[in-house]
């Protein structure tokens, strides 16, 4: 008889991605709103629209502001998805969420500042960066984006492992 090897199903990453992306998006947005005001969402929309997104230049409006909010959460969710998929593919232990948060924060910061912003239509120059700004940016991105994503991944991985161990008994 042909018998297939018994494998344990891998838990869905969807809850970790949704919760991690939402947490990171809300925490990062709260910090940005505190520092830059509610208009910072126009700045995010300017990544697609350029200076046309700026209310002072005759742009703006609720639709563009909402676009900025949607793009912000799309980026946070994409960061959570990338972290969850890469951590699973590389076999990283989810219980090492501090290391994972540090790696995620650094990766998000570098990707945003060295890839996304330079390729976007933002109407301001990107770089050169001062060392102090790099340190602060990496620290804040790690705390506000990387850690919420890695903790979410850890929480839902742990929850799935408890559900599997309970099903085995």
Protein backbone atom coordinates (compact mmCIF):
# COMPACT_ATOMS: atom_id res chain seq x y z
CA UNK A 1 0.00 0.00 0.00
CA UNK A 2 1.13 3.49 -0.75
CA UNK A 3 1.08 5.61 2.35
CA UNK A 4 1.74 9.30 2.24
CA UNK A 5 3.93 10.76 4.94
CA UNK A 6 1.96 12.51 7.62
CA UNK A 7 2.73 16.21 7.67
CA UNK A 8 1.55 18.86 10.03
CA UNK A 9 -0.25 21.65 8.25
CA UNK A 10 1.47 24.99 8.33
CA UNK A 11 -0.55 27.72 9.97
CA UNK A 12 -2.06 30.43 7.84
CA UNK A 13 -0.04 33.62 7.74
CA UNK A 14 -3.09 35.75 6.97
CA UNK A 15 -3.98 36.66 10.60
CA UNK A 16 -0.36 37.62 11.36
CA UNK A 17 -0.14 39.69 8.18
CA UNK A 18 -3.45 41.50 8.76
CA UNK A 19 -2.90 42.21 12.45
CA UNK A 20 0.80 43.00 12.06
CA UNK A 21 0.16 45.33 9.12
CA UNK A 22 -2.71 47.06 10.91
CA UNK A 23 -0.72 47.45 14.15
CA UNK A 24 2.36 48.76 12.38
CA UNK A 25 0.25 51.09 10.24
CA UNK A 26 -1.65 52.57 13.17
CA UNK A 27 1.41 52.99 15.42
CA UNK A 28 3.57 54.45 12.65
CA UNK A 29 0.76 56.77 11.50
CA UNK A 30 0.18 57.99 15.07
CA UNK A 31 3.85 58.86 15.39
CA UNK A 32 3.96 60.58 12.00
CA UNK A 33 0.77 62.55 12.73
CA UNK A 34 2.27 63.64 16.05
CA UNK A 35 5.42 64.91 14.32
CA UNK A 36 4.09 66.16 10.96
CA UNK A 37 0.35 66.67 11.45
CA UNK A 38 -2.61 65.16 9.61
CA UNK A 39 -1.36 66.53 6.31
CA UNK A 40 1.39 63.93 6.18
CA UNK A 41 -1.00 61.68 4.27
CA UNK A 42 -0.81 64.19 1.39
CA UNK A 43 2.94 63.64 1.46
CA UNK A 44 2.42 59.90 1.14
CA UNK A 45 0.02 60.42 -1.78
CA UNK A 46 2.66 62.60 -3.43
CA UNK A 47 4.66 59.43 -3.94
CA UNK A 48 2.18 58.62 -6.72
CA UNK A 49 0.91 62.05 -7.70
CA UNK A 50 3.93 64.29 -7.20
CA UNK A 51 3.33 67.91 -6.26
CA UNK A 52 -0.31 67.65 -7.43
CA UNK A 53 -1.10 66.03 -4.07
CA UNK A 54 -0.08 69.13 -2.14
CA UNK A 55 -3.04 71.29 -1.02
CA UNK A 56 -0.84 74.41 -1.12
CA UNK A 57 -0.23 73.80 -4.83
CA UNK A 58 -3.95 73.60 -5.59
CA UNK A 59 -4.18 69.84 -5.08
CA UNK A 60 -5.29 67.98 -2.03
CA UNK A 61 -8.80 67.24 -1.00
CA UNK A 62 -10.37 64.31 0.80
CA UNK A 63 -9.82 61.85 -2.05
CA UNK A 64 -6.06 62.48 -2.15
CA UNK A 65 -5.83 62.39 1.65
CA UNK A 66 -7.67 59.04 1.63
CA UNK A 67 -5.29 57.79 -1.06
CA UNK A 68 -2.40 58.65 1.28
CA UNK A 69 -4.02 56.71 4.13
CA UNK A 70 -4.64 53.71 1.85
CA UNK A 71 -1.05 53.78 0.55
CA UNK A 72 0.29 54.00 4.11
CA UNK A 73 -1.61 50.89 5.19
CA UNK A 74 -0.78 49.10 1.92
CA UNK A 75 2.91 49.61 2.64
CA UNK A 76 2.50 48.45 6.26
CA UNK A 77 0.56 45.37 5.14
CA UNK A 78 3.10 44.63 2.41
CA UNK A 79 5.90 44.88 4.97
CA UNK A 80 4.06 42.44 7.25
CA UNK A 81 3.47 40.03 4.37
CA UNK A 82 7.11 40.16 3.29
CA UNK A 83 8.32 39.56 6.85
CA UNK A 84 5.96 36.63 7.43
CA UNK A 85 6.75 34.95 4.10
CA UNK A 86 10.52 35.46 4.39
CA UNK A 87 10.63 34.28 7.99
CA UNK A 88 8.78 31.10 7.02
CA UNK A 89 10.86 30.53 3.88
CA UNK A 90 14.13 31.05 5.76
CA UNK A 91 12.99 28.97 8.72
CA UNK A 92 13.46 31.79 11.22
CA UNK A 93 12.18 30.98 14.67
CA UNK A 94 9.13 33.08 15.43
CA UNK A 95 9.95 33.13 19.17
CA UNK A 96 12.93 35.39 18.40
CA UNK A 97 10.64 38.35 17.79
CA UNK A 98 13.14 40.93 19.06
CA UNK A 99 15.73 39.88 16.49
CA UNK A 100 12.98 39.55 13.89
CA UNK A 101 11.68 43.03 14.71
CA UNK A 102 15.17 44.48 14.37
CA UNK A 103 15.70 42.78 11.01
CA UNK A 104 12.24 43.79 9.80
CA UNK A 105 12.68 47.41 10.89
CA UNK A 106 16.05 47.74 9.19
CA UNK A 107 14.76 46.09 6.01
CA UNK A 108 11.67 48.33 5.87
CA UNK A 109 13.71 51.49 6.52
CA UNK A 110 16.30 50.66 3.87
CA UNK A 111 13.70 49.58 1.31
CA UNK A 112 11.63 52.72 1.80
CA UNK A 113 14.58 55.13 1.74
CA UNK A 114 16.80 53.49 -0.87
CA UNK A 115 14.21 51.99 -3.25
CA UNK A 116 10.65 53.26 -2.82
CA UNK A 117 11.22 56.98 -2.21
CA UNK A 118 13.88 57.45 -4.91
CA UNK A 119 11.62 55.73 -7.47
CA UNK A 120 8.50 57.65 -6.40
CA UNK A 121 7.23 61.04 -7.57
CA UNK A 122 7.76 62.81 -4.23
CA UNK A 123 8.43 66.50 -4.89
CA UNK A 124 11.39 66.71 -2.54
CA UNK A 125 14.95 65.42 -2.76
CA UNK A 126 15.67 62.06 -1.15
CA UNK A 127 19.08 61.95 0.52
CA UNK A 128 21.87 62.45 1.23
CA UNK A 129 21.25 61.24 4.75
CA UNK A 130 22.94 62.40 7.93
CA UNK A 131 24.20 59.62 10.20
CA UNK A 132 22.09 60.90 13.09
CA UNK A 133 18.95 60.81 10.91
CA UNK A 134 19.75 57.27 9.77
CA UNK A 135 20.14 56.09 13.35
CA UNK A 136 16.91 57.71 14.46
CA UNK A 137 15.04 56.45 11.38
CA UNK A 138 16.19 52.88 11.86
CA UNK A 139 15.39 53.00 15.58
CA UNK A 140 11.89 54.38 15.03
CA UNK A 141 11.12 52.04 12.14
CA UNK A 142 12.29 49.09 14.22
CA UNK A 143 10.15 50.07 17.22
CA UNK A 144 7.07 51.30 15.36
CA UNK A 145 6.96 48.92 12.38
CA UNK A 146 9.33 45.98 12.81
CA UNK A 147 8.39 44.97 16.35
CA UNK A 148 4.60 45.08 15.88
CA UNK A 149 4.94 42.91 12.78
CA UNK A 150 7.31 40.39 14.38
CA UNK A 151 5.26 40.21 17.60
CA UNK A 152 2.12 39.57 15.55
CA UNK A 153 3.89 36.78 13.67
CA UNK A 154 5.14 35.31 16.96
CA UNK A 155 1.67 35.51 18.56
CA UNK A 156 -0.17 33.80 15.71
CA UNK A 157 2.57 31.18 15.22
CA UNK A 158 2.43 30.37 18.92
CA UNK A 159 -1.35 30.23 18.85
CA UNK A 160 -1.27 27.84 15.87
CA UNK A 161 1.28 25.59 17.59
CA UNK A 162 -0.93 25.41 20.70
CA UNK A 163 -3.91 24.51 18.53
CA UNK A 164 -1.88 21.75 16.82
CA UNK A 165 -0.60 20.33 20.12
CA UNK A 166 -4.13 20.34 21.52
CA UNK A 167 -5.38 18.50 18.45
CA UNK A 168 -2.68 15.85 18.84
CA UNK A 169 -3.80 14.84 22.32
